[in-house]
Each structure stands twice: as C-alpha cells, then as structure tokens.
Protein backbone atom coordinates (compact mmCIF):
# COMPACT_ATOMS: atom_id res chain seq x y z
CA MET A 1 -7.05 1.29 24.07
CA ASP A 2 -7.19 -2.46 23.38
CA THR A 3 -6.12 -3.76 19.99
CA ILE A 4 -8.99 -4.06 17.49
CA ILE A 5 -8.87 -6.65 14.70
CA GLN A 6 -11.54 -6.55 12.01
CA VAL A 7 -12.32 -8.37 8.78
CA GLU A 8 -13.61 -6.35 5.83
CA SER A 9 -15.08 -8.63 3.18
CA TRP A 10 -14.62 -8.21 -0.56
CA ASP A 11 -18.09 -6.61 -0.70
CA GLY A 12 -17.50 -4.14 2.15
CA GLN A 13 -19.01 -5.91 5.17
CA PHE A 14 -17.25 -5.80 8.57
CA TRP A 15 -16.73 -8.26 11.42
CA THR A 16 -14.98 -7.27 14.65
CA LEU A 17 -12.97 -10.24 15.92
CA ILE A 18 -11.20 -8.70 18.92
CA GLY A 19 -11.34 -5.42 20.82
CA ARG A 20 -14.19 -2.94 21.14
CA GLY A 21 -17.32 -4.40 19.53
CA LYS A 22 -15.89 -7.92 19.25
CA GLY A 23 -18.35 -10.63 18.31
CA ASP A 24 -20.75 -8.10 16.84
CA ARG A 25 -21.73 -10.72 14.24
CA GLY A 26 -21.10 -13.83 16.26
CA VAL A 27 -17.41 -14.29 15.38
CA TRP A 28 -14.55 -14.05 17.91
CA LEU A 29 -10.82 -14.52 17.33
CA ALA A 30 -9.48 -17.66 19.02
CA GLU A 31 -6.02 -18.34 20.45
CA ASP A 32 -4.28 -19.91 17.44
CA VAL A 33 -3.10 -17.01 15.26
CA SER A 34 0.01 -16.84 13.05
CA GLY A 35 1.40 -14.82 10.17
CA PHE A 36 0.13 -11.43 11.32
CA TRP A 37 3.18 -9.81 12.81
CA TYR A 38 6.31 -10.23 10.70
CA ALA A 39 6.88 -10.10 6.94
CA PRO A 40 8.08 -13.50 5.62
CA THR A 41 11.68 -12.55 4.84
CA SER A 42 14.41 -14.96 3.77
CA THR A 43 18.08 -14.32 2.97
CA LEU A 44 20.40 -15.71 0.32
CA TRP A 45 23.98 -16.77 1.10
CA ASN A 46 26.64 -17.92 -1.35
CA SER A 47 29.86 -19.83 -0.76
CA THR A 48 32.57 -21.49 -2.80
CA ALA A 49 33.54 -25.14 -2.40
CA PHE A 50 36.31 -24.50 0.13
CA GLN A 51 35.16 -21.20 1.64
CA ASP A 52 34.84 -20.81 5.37
CA GLY A 53 31.37 -19.44 5.96
CA ALA A 54 29.35 -17.69 3.27
CA ASP A 55 28.79 -14.28 1.66
CA TYR A 56 25.49 -12.44 1.88
CA GLY A 57 23.71 -12.51 -1.47
CA GLY A 58 20.52 -10.57 -0.79
CA SER A 59 17.07 -11.04 0.68
CA ARG A 60 13.52 -11.51 -0.50
CA VAL A 61 10.06 -11.14 0.95
CA ASP A 62 7.59 -13.88 0.07
CA LYS A 63 3.82 -13.88 0.11
CA ARG A 64 2.34 -13.78 3.59
CA THR A 65 0.23 -16.70 4.81
CA LEU A 66 -2.05 -16.11 7.79
CA THR A 67 -3.81 -18.81 9.75
CA PHE A 68 -6.24 -18.13 12.54
CA ASP A 69 -9.06 -19.81 14.41
CA VAL A 70 -12.39 -18.15 15.15
CA HIS A 71 -15.20 -19.05 17.49
CA ILE A 72 -18.57 -18.75 15.76
CA LEU A 73 -21.73 -18.65 17.88
CA LYS A 74 -25.33 -17.66 17.57
CA THR A 75 -26.31 -14.06 18.34
CA PRO A 76 -29.64 -12.49 19.25
CA GLY A 77 -31.79 -12.74 16.16
CA SER A 78 -29.29 -14.84 14.17
CA THR A 79 -28.46 -18.54 14.28
CA TRP A 80 -25.00 -20.04 14.33
CA GLU A 81 -25.52 -21.29 10.78
CA LYS A 82 -26.34 -17.79 9.50
CA ASN A 83 -23.31 -16.24 11.25
CA TRP A 84 -21.07 -19.04 9.97
CA SER A 85 -22.36 -18.68 6.41
CA ASP A 86 -21.89 -14.91 6.35
CA PHE A 87 -18.32 -15.10 7.66
CA ILE A 88 -17.26 -17.90 5.30
CA ARG A 89 -18.53 -15.86 2.35
CA ALA A 90 -16.34 -12.93 3.44
CA PHE A 91 -13.28 -14.56 1.84
CA ARG A 92 -12.79 -15.63 -1.77
CA THR A 93 -9.92 -16.89 -3.88
CA ASP A 94 -10.64 -14.45 -6.72
CA ARG A 95 -11.44 -11.29 -4.74
CA GLU A 96 -9.50 -9.40 -2.08
CA SER A 97 -10.74 -8.88 1.44
CA LYS A 98 -8.98 -6.88 4.15
CA ILE A 99 -7.83 -7.54 7.69
CA TRP A 100 -7.66 -4.36 9.76
CA TYR A 101 -5.37 -4.04 12.79
CA GLU A 102 -5.88 -0.99 14.99
CA THR A 103 -3.92 0.19 18.02
CA GLU A 104 -3.87 3.48 19.86
CA SER A 105 -1.33 4.90 17.40
CA SER A 106 -2.19 3.34 14.02
CA ARG A 107 -4.79 1.59 11.88
CA ARG A 108 -3.39 -0.64 9.11
CA TYR A 109 -4.84 -3.13 6.68
CA LEU A 110 -3.64 -6.19 4.78
CA CYS A 111 -5.25 -7.39 1.55
CA VAL A 112 -5.87 -11.14 1.57
CA ARG A 113 -7.49 -13.92 -0.44
CA LEU A 114 -8.68 -17.32 0.62
CA SER A 115 -5.81 -19.81 0.38
CA LYS A 116 -7.90 -22.92 0.95
CA ASN A 117 -11.32 -23.75 2.27
CA SER A 118 -11.91 -23.19 5.96
CA ASP A 119 -11.91 -26.21 8.21
CA MET A 120 -13.63 -27.22 11.42
CA ARG A 121 -13.73 -30.37 13.54
CA PRO A 122 -16.73 -30.17 15.82
CA THR A 123 -17.25 -32.89 18.43
CA ILE A 124 -20.89 -31.91 18.81
CA ASP A 125 -23.32 -31.02 16.03
CA PRO A 126 -22.94 -27.21 15.60
CA GLY A 127 -26.64 -26.97 14.86
CA ARG A 128 -27.30 -28.40 18.31
CA SER A 129 -24.62 -26.53 20.23
CA GLN A 130 -24.90 -23.35 18.12
CA TYR A 131 -21.12 -23.17 18.21
CA ALA A 132 -18.00 -24.33 16.35
CA LYS A 133 -14.35 -23.36 16.05
CA VAL A 134 -13.30 -22.68 12.46
CA THR A 135 -9.74 -22.58 11.08
CA MET A 136 -9.05 -20.04 8.35
CA GLU A 137 -6.05 -19.80 6.02
CA VAL A 138 -5.63 -16.72 3.83
CA VAL A 139 -2.78 -15.38 1.70
CA ALA A 140 -1.53 -11.84 1.09
CA GLY A 141 0.30 -11.71 -2.23
CA ASP A 142 1.38 -8.21 -1.21
CA PRO A 143 2.83 -8.91 2.27
CA TRP A 144 2.80 -5.31 3.53
CA TRP A 145 0.35 -3.73 5.95
CA TYR A 146 -0.87 -0.34 4.71
CA GLU A 147 -2.14 2.82 6.32
CA PRO A 148 -4.47 5.21 4.51
CA VAL A 149 -2.65 7.25 1.86
CA ASP A 150 -1.20 10.62 2.91
CA THR A 151 -1.31 13.44 0.38
CA SER A 152 0.27 16.84 -0.26
CA SER A 153 -0.96 19.19 -2.98
CA TYR A 154 -0.09 22.37 -4.79
CA GLU A 155 -2.46 24.62 -6.79
CA THR A 156 -1.41 27.37 -9.18
CA THR A 157 -2.19 30.99 -8.33
CA THR A 158 -1.05 32.65 -11.56
CA ASP A 159 -1.88 32.14 -15.25
CA THR A 160 1.07 30.84 -17.28
CA THR A 161 -0.87 29.90 -20.42
CA GLY A 162 0.72 32.86 -22.21
CA GLY A 163 4.22 32.04 -20.99
CA GLY A 164 6.31 32.00 -17.86
CA THR A 165 6.71 29.46 -15.07
CA GLU A 166 5.14 29.15 -11.64
CA ASN A 167 7.07 27.44 -8.86
CA GLY A 168 5.63 25.71 -5.82
CA THR A 169 6.31 23.00 -3.25
CA VAL A 170 4.81 19.81 -1.82
CA ASN A 171 5.74 17.94 1.35
CA LEU A 172 7.20 14.43 1.27
CA TYR A 173 7.91 12.01 4.09
CA ASN A 174 8.39 8.28 4.56
CA GLU A 175 8.14 7.32 8.22
CA THR A 176 8.21 3.58 7.48
CA PRO A 177 11.11 1.05 7.36
CA ILE A 178 10.29 0.20 3.72
CA ILE A 179 11.19 2.13 0.58
CA MET A 180 8.18 4.13 -0.58
CA TYR A 181 7.27 4.82 -4.19
CA PRO A 182 5.13 7.96 -4.33
CA GLN A 183 2.44 8.70 -6.89
CA TRP A 184 1.71 11.99 -8.66
CA MET A 185 -1.68 13.05 -10.00
CA PHE A 186 -2.54 16.04 -12.17
CA GLN A 187 -5.16 17.09 -14.71
CA GLY A 188 -6.49 20.13 -16.52
CA THR A 189 -6.52 21.96 -19.83
CA ALA A 190 -4.38 21.23 -22.86
CA GLY A 191 -0.71 22.18 -22.81
CA ILE A 192 0.04 22.08 -19.08
CA VAL A 193 3.64 21.00 -18.45
CA TRP A 194 4.60 19.98 -14.92
CA THR A 195 8.19 19.48 -13.78
CA ILE A 196 8.37 16.90 -10.98
CA PRO A 197 11.31 15.90 -8.75
CA ASP A 198 12.82 12.41 -8.83
CA TYR A 199 15.37 12.81 -6.06
CA SER A 200 17.77 9.90 -5.57
CA PHE A 201 18.04 10.03 -1.76
CA GLY A 202 21.52 8.53 -2.11
CA GLN A 203 20.51 5.55 -4.26
CA GLU A 204 22.59 6.28 -7.38
CA ALA A 205 24.71 3.16 -6.96
CA LYS A 206 21.68 0.96 -7.65
CA HIS A 207 21.53 2.47 -11.13
CA ASP A 208 25.28 2.66 -11.76
CA ARG A 209 25.21 6.43 -11.43
CA PRO A 210 27.86 8.58 -9.69
CA ASP A 211 27.15 9.47 -6.07
CA GLY A 212 25.11 12.66 -5.86
CA ALA A 213 24.46 12.84 -9.62
CA ASP A 214 20.68 12.66 -9.15
CA ALA A 215 20.35 14.30 -5.76
CA THR A 216 18.06 16.96 -7.28
CA ARG A 217 16.93 15.17 -10.44
CA ARG A 218 13.75 16.59 -11.98
CA ILE A 219 11.58 15.27 -14.81
CA VAL A 220 9.63 17.36 -17.31
CA MET A 221 6.29 15.69 -17.97
CA ALA A 222 4.63 15.50 -21.36
CA PRO A 223 2.08 18.29 -22.01
CA THR A 224 -1.47 17.40 -21.02
CA ILE A 225 -4.34 16.87 -23.44
CA GLU A 226 -7.60 18.74 -22.86
CA GLY A 227 -9.42 17.14 -19.92
CA GLU A 228 -6.71 14.55 -19.35
CA HIS A 229 -6.11 12.98 -15.92
CA VAL A 230 -2.60 11.62 -15.42
CA LEU A 231 -1.37 9.25 -12.72
CA VAL A 232 2.38 8.74 -12.35
CA ASP A 233 3.38 5.73 -10.25
CA VAL A 234 7.10 5.98 -9.46
CA ASP A 235 7.30 2.25 -8.63
CA PRO A 236 9.40 0.66 -11.43
CA ASP A 237 7.32 -2.52 -11.05
CA ALA A 238 3.93 -0.80 -11.09
CA LYS A 239 1.39 -3.27 -12.52
CA ASN A 240 -0.09 -0.66 -14.85
CA GLY A 241 3.22 0.99 -15.73
CA GLN A 242 4.60 4.28 -14.47
CA PHE A 243 2.44 6.53 -16.64
CA ASN A 244 -1.34 6.27 -16.83
CA SER A 245 -3.60 8.68 -18.70
CA SER A 246 -7.39 8.78 -18.71
CA LEU A 247 -7.32 9.58 -22.45
CA ASP A 248 -4.08 8.30 -23.98
CA THR A 249 -2.94 4.71 -23.47
CA MET A 250 0.41 5.63 -25.06
CA TYR A 251 1.31 8.41 -22.62
CA TYR A 252 4.60 6.64 -21.90
CA MET A 253 5.57 7.18 -25.55
CA ARG A 254 5.00 10.92 -25.11
CA MET A 255 7.66 10.77 -22.39
CA ASN A 256 10.27 9.77 -25.01
CA GLY A 257 11.76 7.02 -22.86
CA VAL A 258 12.23 9.13 -19.72
CA ARG A 259 11.30 7.24 -16.55
CA PHE A 260 11.32 7.81 -12.82
CA MET A 261 14.14 5.95 -11.10
CA TYR A 262 14.00 6.51 -7.35
CA GLY A 263 11.76 5.66 -4.44
CA VAL A 264 11.97 7.36 -1.07
CA THR A 265 14.32 5.64 1.36
CA GLU A 266 13.10 4.41 4.73
CA TYR A 267 12.69 6.89 7.58
CA THR A 268 13.13 9.94 5.34
CA GLY A 269 11.42 13.00 6.80
CA THR A 270 8.40 13.04 9.08
CA LYS A 271 4.93 14.52 8.89
CA GLN A 272 6.05 17.22 11.35
CA HIS A 273 9.38 17.79 9.54
CA PRO A 274 8.87 16.81 5.89
CA ILE A 275 11.19 17.01 2.91
CA VAL A 276 10.05 20.04 0.89
CA LEU A 277 10.06 19.20 -2.82
CA PRO A 278 9.92 21.80 -5.59
CA VAL A 279 7.41 21.54 -8.43
CA SER A 280 6.99 23.92 -11.35
CA VAL A 281 4.48 24.35 -14.14
CA THR A 282 4.01 26.25 -17.35
CA GLY A 283 1.03 26.60 -19.68
CA ALA A 284 -1.41 26.36 -16.78
CA PRO A 285 -4.38 28.54 -15.83
CA ILE A 286 -5.09 29.62 -12.26
CA GLY A 287 -6.30 26.68 -10.19
CA ALA A 288 -4.39 23.88 -11.91
CA GLY A 289 -3.30 21.36 -9.32
CA ILE A 290 -0.91 18.52 -8.65
CA GLN A 291 -1.12 16.00 -5.83
CA LEU A 292 1.60 13.87 -4.29
CA ARG A 293 0.30 10.60 -2.82
CA MET A 294 2.32 8.71 -0.20
CA ARG A 295 1.29 5.07 0.24
CA ARG A 296 2.71 3.95 3.58
CA ALA A 297 3.64 0.26 3.82
CA TRP A 298 4.76 -1.60 6.94
CA PRO A 299 6.13 -5.12 7.59
CA THR A 300 4.10 -5.36 10.82
CA PRO A 301 0.54 -4.40 11.73
CA MET A 302 1.73 -1.98 14.43
CA GLY A 303 4.81 -0.06 15.59
CA LEU A 304 8.21 0.35 13.84
CA TRP A 305 7.97 4.13 13.50
C-alpha cells in the first residue's frame, strides 16, 4: 500500500494529506517536507587542552520541529477559503494535534503544536484562483512517534481475601529501539496487595548496583482502598509521578519511599515471543485484575523493528 499521512486536529477532525483519500478536504501535501523521519539527536564530546581528539560524553534528543508545505484548493461544495480556514484551525500553540503516518506494517502518530503562524506567498489572489500553497511549522515537545498501546492482563481465579497468595503472569515485550517504561493499572476492593516485577534487564550499573542484583526485582504495592484505581508509571520522569490513585493523592507516601527503577531495554522480547513476567496478589476476591500497558515509541514514523 502507499504511505498515508493524516492530520488529526486538537478537536478530533481528520485531513488526509497523502495516500488513499488524499485531498478529502482540499489539502494535499506538497514537496517541501522536513523533520518527519529522524529524531533530532546531538552528541556531547569532551577534550582537555592538549588532548588529541575527544571523549564521548553522552547524547540528547531535542524537540522535533517539522516544516511542510500543503496545497489548498477548493472542493465540491466548499470554497478554498473554507478549506484553508478549517485546516489552519487544526493547529494551536496551546493544544496538541496529531500527525499520523501509516505504512503497510505500522501506523504511528506524533503529537505536535503550532510553532509559529502558517505562511503563504501567493502570486495570484487565492480567492480568484481558489488555490494557494501554505507553509506550516509545528513542534513536537515529545519527539517520538507512537503506536497504539499494547496491553497484557491477568485476572484472579481464586479468593485470597481470607489469606493465601495467587500467582499469575503477564507478557512483556519492547520491539522498539528506545527504552520503554511500562505502566501498571489495577483496582478493586480494599486490602488487595499486588506484587509487581521491576526487572533490571542488565541496567544495574546506571543505579550503582551490582550486576545481576535486580535481575528479578519485585515490588510489593501498598494495599488498595475500597474502589481505588491505581496507575503506576515506571518512567522516573513521569509528569504526574510514578504512583497515581483515583482516591489518594498521597499514594506515593503509602509506598514508604519504594520506587520503580528500571525501564525495558530496546529490542527485548517480541509479541510472538514475549518475556513472561510473574505477578502475585493477596487479599483479592475472584475477578480482581491487573493490566500491563506497553507504550511503544519510535524515533522514525516507520520501520526500525
């Protein structure tokens, strides 16, 4: 199939710019396009005054800036001015829109905001020609392209409210070239205690821990409150913190300082051959569940499996 590029506005409207259905609302992608394909990575190098060469000091990924031109024309039942107005309103500085990039093997999106006002330099009055070429510049503060979240769940089949422990498993995989920080979600009656893995995947050195010390690290979660929904975001830089409860804003205090440490390294497991992780629970009735969410990020809009 041909590549399909779409814009999804902050209020959920779609425009197809290239591929099947292109120009459905009078907007076509032009030739000048940049910023789509590679994450803006830069490296740091350090050297002393008399050193030959330099030593690698690390790398960073900056915000992603995309520029692209679009042809805007009239369509049956709609003037150029109406099509132009609708498309310009699709991007805002204070709200996120999405750019979708679909190939035969994947469909990924990038969240963007308007960087500066669009520009056009018509040589003929657009109202007369019913056409103009418009230059757009948008910025993705988060530079990664994302695919829809994959999930794996486990549901209890025995009642452990009177004591005992039930053991189960969930499947984990990261098929991307970027470290992945999974999320865990659980809810239910009061007193449910889940034990969740925080495997190191060989990353102990980053935390000054001995090699292999946390290969099978597991974390005992704080007991749930009646009707509580808990979201655990393993990302140490999660904007809302690692622990989020629907009822208790101080859930992190109930964890007594224990935090998750490790993401999932790149190219770890596959959907066909996942890493099987153990979970266990006590104090739970039949039907209590836990869900592992895998948010898949990519530096490019296609490929790199």
